[in-house]
Structures are given as structure tokens and as C-alpha cells.
């Protein structure tokens, strides 16, 4: 089960990154055309979260030390892995809703 949770964290991190890239493209285009503080704020929000998810994707997928550590249930117990997966899932739901509202 622990491996499944870690795989879910990895998958959701990458999915969130792709959703954020799409949102940043729309919000960046809106800011470029409108020059509004609201559009700039949304773009900055997306860029900051892109940075967080890019770092997370690197650590969870590519970094040999962290990716091995995070998948070891003796070092990171399943309740912590469950919490990480739940946070990423909730964030994906929020970003999916933002994407739906943005693209509607």
C-alpha cells in the first residue's frame, strides 16, 4: 500500500504541474492583454506553485536519496504517506476547479 501512496503522490505532483502550466499560460496571456493586477496575481500564484511542484517532481521522481527515502515505510510511515497523497489530491481537485472556471 505504501508504494501505491507514493506513486499517487508522484502522479498527482506531475498532474498538478501540467494543470498549473495551462493555467499560467491563460493567466499570462490575460495579464499581457489586460495589464490588470488580478490577472498578474493569478499568474504569480501559478508561477509560485509551478516552482513548488517542479521541485517536488524532481525530489519525488529523480533525486535518488529523497525518492528512496519517501518510499520506505520504515522511514516514512504509511500515515504520513497517506497525508502527502491526500494533500496532493485535494490540491489537484482545487486546481481542476480553477481550470474549469478559467476555461469556461
N, C-alpha and C. Protein backbone atom coordinates (compact mmCIF):
# COMPACT_ATOMS: atom_id res chain seq x y z
N UNK A 1 0.82 -1.20 0.00
CA UNK A 1 0.00 0.00 0.00
C UNK A 1 0.86 1.26 0.00
N UNK A 2 1.99 1.21 0.70
CA UNK A 2 2.85 2.39 0.78
C UNK A 2 3.35 2.79 -0.60
N UNK A 3 3.71 1.80 -1.41
CA UNK A 3 4.19 2.10 -2.76
C UNK A 3 3.09 2.77 -3.59
N UNK A 4 1.86 2.32 -3.41
CA UNK A 4 0.74 2.93 -4.13
C UNK A 4 0.55 4.38 -3.72
N UNK A 5 0.68 4.67 -2.44
CA UNK A 5 0.53 6.04 -1.96
C UNK A 5 1.64 6.94 -2.51
N UNK A 6 2.85 6.44 -2.51
CA UNK A 6 3.97 7.22 -3.03
C UNK A 6 3.80 7.43 -4.54
N UNK A 7 3.34 6.39 -5.24
CA UNK A 7 3.06 6.55 -6.67
C UNK A 7 1.97 7.59 -6.91
N UNK A 8 0.97 7.62 -6.04
CA UNK A 8 -0.10 8.62 -6.15
C UNK A 8 0.46 10.02 -5.94
N UNK A 9 1.35 10.18 -4.96
CA UNK A 9 1.98 11.49 -4.72
C UNK A 9 2.75 11.92 -5.97
N UNK A 10 3.51 11.02 -6.53
CA UNK A 10 4.30 11.33 -7.73
C UNK A 10 3.40 11.71 -8.89
N UNK A 11 2.38 10.90 -9.14
CA UNK A 11 1.47 11.17 -10.26
C UNK A 11 0.73 12.49 -10.08
N UNK A 12 0.21 12.73 -8.90
CA UNK A 12 -0.54 13.96 -8.65
C UNK A 12 0.36 15.19 -8.71
N UNK A 13 1.61 15.04 -8.31
CA UNK A 13 2.55 16.16 -8.41
C UNK A 13 2.74 16.56 -9.87
N UNK A 14 2.91 15.57 -10.73
CA UNK A 14 3.10 15.85 -12.16
C UNK A 14 1.80 16.38 -12.78
N UNK A 15 0.66 15.80 -12.44
CA UNK A 15 -0.62 16.29 -12.96
C UNK A 15 -0.87 17.74 -12.54
N UNK A 16 -0.60 18.04 -11.28
CA UNK A 16 -0.76 19.41 -10.80
C UNK A 16 0.15 20.36 -11.57
N UNK A 17 1.34 19.91 -11.87
CA UNK A 17 2.29 20.74 -12.63
C UNK A 17 1.74 21.06 -14.01
N UNK A 18 1.18 20.08 -14.69
CA UNK A 18 0.62 20.32 -16.02
C UNK A 18 -0.61 21.23 -15.98
N UNK A 19 -1.46 21.04 -14.98
CA UNK A 19 -2.63 21.93 -14.85
C UNK A 19 -2.16 23.37 -14.60
N UNK A 20 -1.17 23.51 -13.75
CA UNK A 20 -0.64 24.85 -13.45
C UNK A 20 0.01 25.50 -14.66
N UNK A 21 0.69 24.73 -15.48
CA UNK A 21 1.29 25.28 -16.69
C UNK A 21 0.20 25.81 -17.63
N UNK A 22 -0.90 25.06 -17.75
CA UNK A 22 -2.02 25.52 -18.58
C UNK A 22 -2.65 26.78 -18.01
N UNK A 23 -2.85 26.81 -16.71
CA UNK A 23 -3.43 28.00 -16.09
C UNK A 23 -2.51 29.20 -16.23
N UNK A 24 -1.21 28.99 -16.05
CA UNK A 24 -0.25 30.10 -16.19
C UNK A 24 -0.27 30.65 -17.61
N UNK A 25 -0.44 29.80 -18.59
CA UNK A 25 -0.49 30.26 -19.98
C UNK A 25 -1.71 31.18 -20.19
N UNK A 26 -2.86 30.75 -19.70
CA UNK A 26 -4.07 31.57 -19.85
C UNK A 26 -3.95 32.86 -19.05
N UNK A 27 -3.55 32.75 -17.80
CA UNK A 27 -3.46 33.94 -16.95
C UNK A 27 -2.36 34.88 -17.42
N UNK A 28 -1.27 34.33 -17.96
CA UNK A 28 -0.22 35.17 -18.52
C UNK A 28 -0.69 35.92 -19.75
N UNK A 29 -1.43 35.24 -20.61
CA UNK A 29 -2.00 35.90 -21.79
C UNK A 29 -2.99 36.99 -21.38
N UNK A 30 -3.81 36.69 -20.39
CA UNK A 30 -4.77 37.70 -19.90
C UNK A 30 -4.04 38.91 -19.33
N UNK A 31 -2.98 38.67 -18.56
CA UNK A 31 -2.24 39.79 -18.00
C UNK A 31 -1.59 40.61 -19.11
N UNK A 32 -1.04 39.93 -20.11
CA UNK A 32 -0.38 40.63 -21.21
C UNK A 32 -1.37 41.52 -21.97
N UNK A 33 -2.60 41.03 -22.14
CA UNK A 33 -3.60 41.80 -22.88
C UNK A 33 -4.28 42.87 -22.03
N UNK A 34 -4.55 42.55 -20.76
CA UNK A 34 -5.35 43.45 -19.92
C UNK A 34 -4.52 44.31 -18.97
N UNK A 35 -3.36 43.83 -18.59
CA UNK A 35 -2.49 44.53 -17.62
C UNK A 35 -3.20 44.81 -16.29
N UNK A 36 -4.03 43.86 -15.87
CA UNK A 36 -4.74 44.05 -14.60
C UNK A 36 -3.97 43.39 -13.46
N UNK A 37 -4.14 43.95 -12.26
CA UNK A 37 -3.50 43.38 -11.08
C UNK A 37 -4.05 41.99 -10.77
N UNK A 38 -5.32 41.79 -11.04
CA UNK A 38 -5.95 40.49 -10.78
C UNK A 38 -5.30 39.41 -11.64
N UNK A 39 -5.15 39.67 -12.94
CA UNK A 39 -4.52 38.69 -13.83
C UNK A 39 -3.06 38.47 -13.44
N UNK A 40 -2.37 39.52 -13.05
CA UNK A 40 -0.97 39.39 -12.62
C UNK A 40 -0.88 38.56 -11.34
N UNK A 41 -1.81 38.77 -10.42
CA UNK A 41 -1.82 38.00 -9.18
C UNK A 41 -2.04 36.52 -9.45
N UNK A 42 -2.96 36.20 -10.35
CA UNK A 42 -3.19 34.80 -10.70
C UNK A 42 -1.96 34.19 -11.37
N UNK A 43 -1.32 34.95 -12.25
CA UNK A 43 -0.11 34.47 -12.90
C UNK A 43 1.00 34.22 -11.88
N UNK A 44 1.19 35.13 -10.97
CA UNK A 44 2.22 34.96 -9.94
C UNK A 44 1.91 33.75 -9.05
N UNK A 45 0.65 33.58 -8.70
CA UNK A 45 0.21 32.41 -7.93
C UNK A 45 0.59 31.13 -8.67
N UNK A 46 0.27 31.07 -9.96
CA UNK A 46 0.58 29.88 -10.75
C UNK A 46 2.09 29.65 -10.84
N UNK A 47 2.86 30.71 -11.04
CA UNK A 47 4.32 30.56 -11.16
C UNK A 47 4.95 30.06 -9.87
N UNK A 48 4.47 30.55 -8.74
CA UNK A 48 5.00 30.07 -7.46
C UNK A 48 4.67 28.59 -7.23
N UNK A 49 3.44 28.21 -7.56
CA UNK A 49 3.08 26.80 -7.40
C UNK A 49 3.80 25.91 -8.42
N UNK A 50 4.08 26.44 -9.61
CA UNK A 50 4.86 25.68 -10.59
C UNK A 50 6.24 25.40 -10.01
N UNK A 51 6.84 26.40 -9.39
CA UNK A 51 8.14 26.20 -8.76
C UNK A 51 8.10 25.13 -7.68
N UNK A 52 7.07 25.17 -6.86
CA UNK A 52 6.93 24.18 -5.79
C UNK A 52 6.74 22.78 -6.36
N UNK A 53 5.91 22.65 -7.39
CA UNK A 53 5.65 21.33 -7.97
C UNK A 53 6.83 20.83 -8.81
N UNK A 54 7.55 21.73 -9.45
CA UNK A 54 8.75 21.31 -10.19
C UNK A 54 9.79 20.75 -9.22
N UNK A 55 9.98 21.42 -8.10
CA UNK A 55 10.90 20.92 -7.08
C UNK A 55 10.42 19.58 -6.52
N UNK A 56 9.11 19.50 -6.24
CA UNK A 56 8.55 18.25 -5.74
C UNK A 56 8.70 17.11 -6.74
N UNK A 57 8.44 17.39 -8.02
CA UNK A 57 8.60 16.35 -9.05
C UNK A 57 10.05 15.89 -9.12
N UNK A 58 10.98 16.84 -9.05
CA UNK A 58 12.40 16.45 -9.06
C UNK A 58 12.72 15.57 -7.85
N UNK A 59 12.31 16.01 -6.67
CA UNK A 59 12.65 15.26 -5.46
C UNK A 59 11.98 13.90 -5.42
N UNK A 60 10.69 13.82 -5.77
CA UNK A 60 9.95 12.56 -5.68
C UNK A 60 10.29 11.59 -6.80
N UNK A 61 10.72 12.11 -7.96
CA UNK A 61 10.95 11.24 -9.12
C UNK A 61 12.42 11.02 -9.46
N UNK A 62 13.25 12.04 -9.33
CA UNK A 62 14.61 11.96 -9.86
C UNK A 62 15.70 11.89 -8.80
N UNK A 63 15.52 12.57 -7.69
CA UNK A 63 16.55 12.58 -6.67
C UNK A 63 16.64 11.20 -6.04
N UNK A 64 17.80 10.55 -6.13
CA UNK A 64 17.89 9.16 -5.63
C UNK A 64 17.71 9.03 -4.12
N UNK A 65 18.15 10.02 -3.37
CA UNK A 65 18.05 9.93 -1.91
C UNK A 65 16.62 10.12 -1.45
N UNK A 66 15.98 11.20 -1.89
CA UNK A 66 14.62 11.51 -1.42
C UNK A 66 13.62 10.50 -1.96
N UNK A 67 13.73 10.12 -3.23
CA UNK A 67 12.75 9.18 -3.78
C UNK A 67 12.85 7.81 -3.09
N UNK A 68 14.06 7.40 -2.71
CA UNK A 68 14.20 6.13 -1.97
C UNK A 68 13.67 6.28 -0.55
N UNK A 69 13.95 7.40 0.07
CA UNK A 69 13.51 7.64 1.45
C UNK A 69 11.99 7.71 1.55
N UNK A 70 11.36 8.44 0.63
CA UNK A 70 9.92 8.66 0.72
C UNK A 70 9.14 7.36 0.51
N UNK A 71 9.72 6.42 -0.24
CA UNK A 71 9.03 5.16 -0.49
C UNK A 71 9.28 4.09 0.54
N UNK A 72 10.10 4.38 1.53
CA UNK A 72 10.43 3.39 2.55
C UNK A 72 9.47 3.54 3.74
N UNK A 73 8.56 2.57 3.93
CA UNK A 73 7.59 2.69 5.02
C UNK A 73 8.20 2.64 6.42
N UNK A 74 9.45 2.15 6.55
CA UNK A 74 10.10 2.17 7.85
C UNK A 74 10.59 3.58 8.21
N UNK A 75 10.89 4.39 7.22
CA UNK A 75 11.36 5.74 7.47
C UNK A 75 10.25 6.79 7.36
N UNK A 76 9.33 6.59 6.45
CA UNK A 76 8.17 7.48 6.31
C UNK A 76 6.94 6.58 6.46
N UNK A 77 6.32 6.58 7.63
CA UNK A 77 5.23 5.65 7.89
C UNK A 77 4.02 5.90 6.98
N UNK A 78 3.23 4.87 6.75
CA UNK A 78 2.07 4.99 5.87
C UNK A 78 1.12 6.14 6.22
N UNK A 79 0.87 6.49 7.50
CA UNK A 79 0.00 7.64 7.75
C UNK A 79 0.57 8.95 7.15
N UNK A 80 1.89 9.10 7.19
CA UNK A 80 2.50 10.30 6.59
C UNK A 80 2.38 10.25 5.07
N UNK A 81 2.56 9.07 4.50
CA UNK A 81 2.40 8.93 3.05
C UNK A 81 0.96 9.18 2.64
N UNK A 82 0.02 8.71 3.45
CA UNK A 82 -1.40 8.97 3.19
C UNK A 82 -1.69 10.46 3.23
N UNK A 83 -1.13 11.15 4.20
CA UNK A 83 -1.34 12.60 4.31
C UNK A 83 -0.77 13.32 3.09
N UNK A 84 0.43 12.95 2.66
CA UNK A 84 1.02 13.58 1.47
C UNK A 84 0.15 13.36 0.24
N UNK A 85 -0.35 12.13 0.07
CA UNK A 85 -1.21 11.83 -1.07
C UNK A 85 -2.52 12.60 -0.98
N UNK A 86 -3.08 12.71 0.22
CA UNK A 86 -4.33 13.45 0.40
C UNK A 86 -4.14 14.93 0.08
N UNK A 87 -3.03 15.52 0.53
CA UNK A 87 -2.77 16.93 0.22
C UNK A 87 -2.66 17.15 -1.28
N UNK A 88 -1.95 16.27 -1.97
CA UNK A 88 -1.81 16.41 -3.42
C UNK A 88 -3.15 16.20 -4.12
N UNK A 89 -3.97 15.27 -3.63
CA UNK A 89 -5.28 15.02 -4.23
C UNK A 89 -6.21 16.22 -4.03
N UNK A 90 -6.20 16.79 -2.84
CA UNK A 90 -7.02 17.97 -2.58
C UNK A 90 -6.56 19.15 -3.44
N UNK A 91 -5.27 19.29 -3.57
CA UNK A 91 -4.75 20.37 -4.41
C UNK A 91 -5.14 20.15 -5.87
N UNK A 92 -5.07 18.91 -6.33
CA UNK A 92 -5.49 18.63 -7.70
C UNK A 92 -6.96 18.97 -7.91
N UNK A 93 -7.80 18.65 -6.93
CA UNK A 93 -9.23 18.99 -7.04
C UNK A 93 -9.42 20.51 -7.12
N UNK A 94 -8.69 21.25 -6.28
CA UNK A 94 -8.78 22.70 -6.31
C UNK A 94 -8.29 23.27 -7.63
N UNK A 95 -7.17 22.77 -8.13
CA UNK A 95 -6.65 23.25 -9.40
C UNK A 95 -7.55 22.87 -10.57
N UNK A 96 -8.13 21.68 -10.50
CA UNK A 96 -9.06 21.28 -11.56
C UNK A 96 -10.27 22.20 -11.58
N UNK A 97 -10.75 22.59 -10.41
CA UNK A 97 -11.87 23.53 -10.35
C UNK A 97 -11.46 24.89 -10.91
N UNK A 98 -10.28 25.36 -10.53
CA UNK A 98 -9.78 26.62 -11.09
C UNK A 98 -9.64 26.56 -12.60
N UNK A 99 -9.17 25.42 -13.10
CA UNK A 99 -9.04 25.25 -14.56
C UNK A 99 -10.42 25.27 -15.22
N UNK A 100 -11.38 24.60 -14.62
CA UNK A 100 -12.73 24.59 -15.16
C UNK A 100 -13.30 26.01 -15.23
N UNK A 101 -13.14 26.77 -14.15
CA UNK A 101 -13.64 28.14 -14.11
C UNK A 101 -12.89 29.02 -15.12
N UNK A 102 -11.60 28.82 -15.25
CA UNK A 102 -10.79 29.63 -16.15
C UNK A 102 -11.13 29.36 -17.61
N UNK A 103 -11.29 28.11 -17.95
CA UNK A 103 -11.53 27.76 -19.35
C UNK A 103 -13.00 27.85 -19.75
N UNK A 104 -13.90 28.07 -18.80
CA UNK A 104 -15.33 28.15 -19.11
C UNK A 104 -15.66 29.47 -19.79
